């Protein structure tokens, strides 16, 4: 890996990390806003739905990776890192 490729990868990683932080803070602000207006049940319902959704996405990625590894599928090697 050349120095230029390393710098590009580092820049891409920092950008994705920044996007993650902004989205996380937006979600936290929304949760706190609902709690501050006294809508505790709705805040926790929203949290639960989001938790279940992202947990299902993570489990799906893991399952995909395991199936491709067990079946020794060579076409999916670029996708295994994503999963």
C-alpha atoms as a PDB file:
ATOM      1  CA  UNK A   1       0.000   0.000   0.000  1.00  0.00           C
ATOM      2  CA  UNK A   2       1.490   3.329  -1.021  1.00  0.00           C
ATOM      3  CA  UNK A   3       1.599   6.439   1.109  1.00  0.00           C
ATOM      4  CA  UNK A   4      -1.067   8.128  -1.011  1.00  0.00           C
ATOM      5  CA  UNK A   5      -3.435   5.162  -0.624  1.00  0.00           C
ATOM      6  CA  UNK A   6      -2.825   5.155   3.117  1.00  0.00           C
ATOM      7  CA  UNK A   7      -3.680   8.853   3.373  1.00  0.00           C
ATOM      8  CA  UNK A   8      -6.857   8.340   1.336  1.00  0.00           C
ATOM      9  CA  UNK A   9      -7.914   5.432   3.537  1.00  0.00           C
ATOM     10  CA  UNK A  10      -7.251   7.459   6.676  1.00  0.00           C
ATOM     11  CA  UNK A  11      -9.253  10.400   5.311  1.00  0.00           C
ATOM     12  CA  UNK A  12     -12.136   8.086   4.395  1.00  0.00           C
ATOM     13  CA  UNK A  13     -12.079   6.534   7.871  1.00  0.00           C
ATOM     14  CA  UNK A  14     -12.087   9.924   9.570  1.00  0.00           C
ATOM     15  CA  UNK A  15     -14.992  11.087   7.406  1.00  0.00           C
ATOM     16  CA  UNK A  16     -17.047   8.000   8.226  1.00  0.00           C
ATOM     17  CA  UNK A  17     -16.238   8.396  11.914  1.00  0.00           C
ATOM     18  CA  UNK A  18     -17.365  12.037  11.824  1.00  0.00           C
ATOM     19  CA  UNK A  19     -20.620  11.050  10.105  1.00  0.00           C
ATOM     20  CA  UNK A  20     -21.171   8.384  12.764  1.00  0.00           C
ATOM     21  CA  UNK A  21     -20.608  10.883  15.575  1.00  0.00           C
ATOM     22  CA  UNK A  22     -23.023  13.420  14.026  1.00  0.00           C
ATOM     23  CA  UNK A  23     -25.730  10.768  13.597  1.00  0.00           C
ATOM     24  CA  UNK A  24     -25.217   9.497  17.122  1.00  0.00           C
ATOM     25  CA  UNK A  25     -25.491  12.996  18.598  1.00  0.00           C
ATOM     26  CA  UNK A  26     -28.617  13.670  16.512  1.00  0.00           C
ATOM     27  CA  UNK A  27     -30.261  10.528  17.870  1.00  0.00           C
ATOM     28  CA  UNK A  28     -29.273  11.389  21.426  1.00  0.00           C
ATOM     29  CA  UNK A  29     -30.650  14.916  21.014  1.00  0.00           C
ATOM     30  CA  UNK A  30     -33.937  13.532  19.687  1.00  0.00           C
ATOM     31  CA  UNK A  31     -34.192  11.113  22.603  1.00  0.00           C
ATOM     32  CA  UNK A  32     -33.467  13.859  25.125  1.00  0.00           C
ATOM     33  CA  UNK A  33     -35.985  16.154  23.439  1.00  0.00           C
ATOM     34  CA  UNK A  34     -38.742  13.570  23.799  1.00  0.00           C
ATOM     35  CA  UNK A  35     -37.815  12.948  27.427  1.00  0.00           C
ATOM     36  CA  UNK A  36     -37.748  16.678  28.209  1.00  0.00           C
ATOM     37  CA  UNK A  37     -41.316  17.040  26.897  1.00  0.00           C
ATOM     38  CA  UNK A  38     -42.455  14.209  29.150  1.00  0.00           C
ATOM     39  CA  UNK A  39     -42.997  11.625  26.412  1.00  0.00           C
ATOM     40  CA  UNK A  40     -41.045   8.876  28.131  1.00  0.00           C
ATOM     41  CA  UNK A  41     -42.925   5.989  26.539  1.00  0.00           C
ATOM     42  CA  UNK A  42     -42.456   7.312  23.019  1.00  0.00           C
ATOM     43  CA  UNK A  43     -38.747   7.963  23.624  1.00  0.00           C
ATOM     44  CA  UNK A  44     -38.160   4.394  24.788  1.00  0.00           C
ATOM     45  CA  UNK A  45     -40.298   2.964  21.972  1.00  0.00           C
ATOM     46  CA  UNK A  46     -38.187   4.848  19.436  1.00  0.00           C
ATOM     47  CA  UNK A  47     -34.995   3.628  21.097  1.00  0.00           C
ATOM     48  CA  UNK A  48     -36.228   0.023  21.070  1.00  0.00           C
ATOM     49  CA  UNK A  49     -37.239   0.103  17.393  1.00  0.00           C
ATOM     50  CA  UNK A  50     -33.871   1.570  16.400  1.00  0.00           C
ATOM     51  CA  UNK A  51     -31.997  -0.952  18.534  1.00  0.00           C
ATOM     52  CA  UNK A  52     -33.868  -3.880  16.997  1.00  0.00           C
ATOM     53  CA  UNK A  53     -33.413  -2.547  13.455  1.00  0.00           C
ATOM     54  CA  UNK A  54     -29.646  -2.054  13.706  1.00  0.00           C
ATOM     55  CA  UNK A  55     -29.188  -5.324  15.611  1.00  0.00           C
ATOM     56  CA  UNK A  56     -30.974  -7.158  12.785  1.00  0.00           C
ATOM     57  CA  UNK A  57     -28.721  -5.471  10.203  1.00  0.00           C
ATOM     58  CA  UNK A  58     -25.623  -6.545  12.172  1.00  0.00           C
ATOM     59  CA  UNK A  59     -26.854 -10.113  12.562  1.00  0.00           C
ATOM     60  CA  UNK A  60     -27.689 -10.307   8.865  1.00  0.00           C
ATOM     61  CA  UNK A  61     -24.151  -9.231   7.970  1.00  0.00           C
ATOM     62  CA  UNK A  62     -22.681 -11.826  10.290  1.00  0.00           C
ATOM     63  CA  UNK A  63     -24.949 -14.556   8.923  1.00  0.00           C
ATOM     64  CA  UNK A  64     -24.016 -13.635   5.344  1.00  0.00           C
ATOM     65  CA  UNK A  65     -20.314 -13.796   6.198  1.00  0.00           C
ATOM     66  CA  UNK A  66     -20.677 -17.177   7.940  1.00  0.00           C
ATOM     67  CA  UNK A  67     -22.650 -18.710   5.063  1.00  0.00           C
ATOM     68  CA  UNK A  68     -20.097 -17.515   2.508  1.00  0.00           C
ATOM     69  CA  UNK A  69     -17.258 -18.881   4.644  1.00  0.00           C
ATOM     70  CA  UNK A  70     -18.899 -22.280   5.194  1.00  0.00           C
ATOM     71  CA  UNK A  71     -19.768 -22.712   1.505  1.00  0.00           C
ATOM     72  CA  UNK A  72     -16.311 -21.432   0.484  1.00  0.00           C
ATOM     73  CA  UNK A  73     -17.815 -18.990  -2.001  1.00  0.00           C
ATOM     74  CA  UNK A  74     -14.961 -17.204  -3.750  1.00  0.00           C
ATOM     75  CA  UNK A  75     -17.145 -14.558  -5.404  1.00  0.00           C
ATOM     76  CA  UNK A  76     -18.031 -13.001  -2.058  1.00  0.00           C
ATOM     77  CA  UNK A  77     -14.548 -12.241  -0.747  1.00  0.00           C
ATOM     78  CA  UNK A  78     -14.791  -8.478  -1.396  1.00  0.00           C
ATOM     79  CA  UNK A  79     -18.129  -8.429   0.439  1.00  0.00           C
ATOM     80  CA  UNK A  80     -16.952 -10.311   3.529  1.00  0.00           C
ATOM     81  CA  UNK A  81     -15.123  -7.284   4.898  1.00  0.00           C
ATOM     82  CA  UNK A  82     -18.285  -5.241   4.485  1.00  0.00           C
ATOM     83  CA  UNK A  83     -20.371  -7.833   6.316  1.00  0.00           C
END
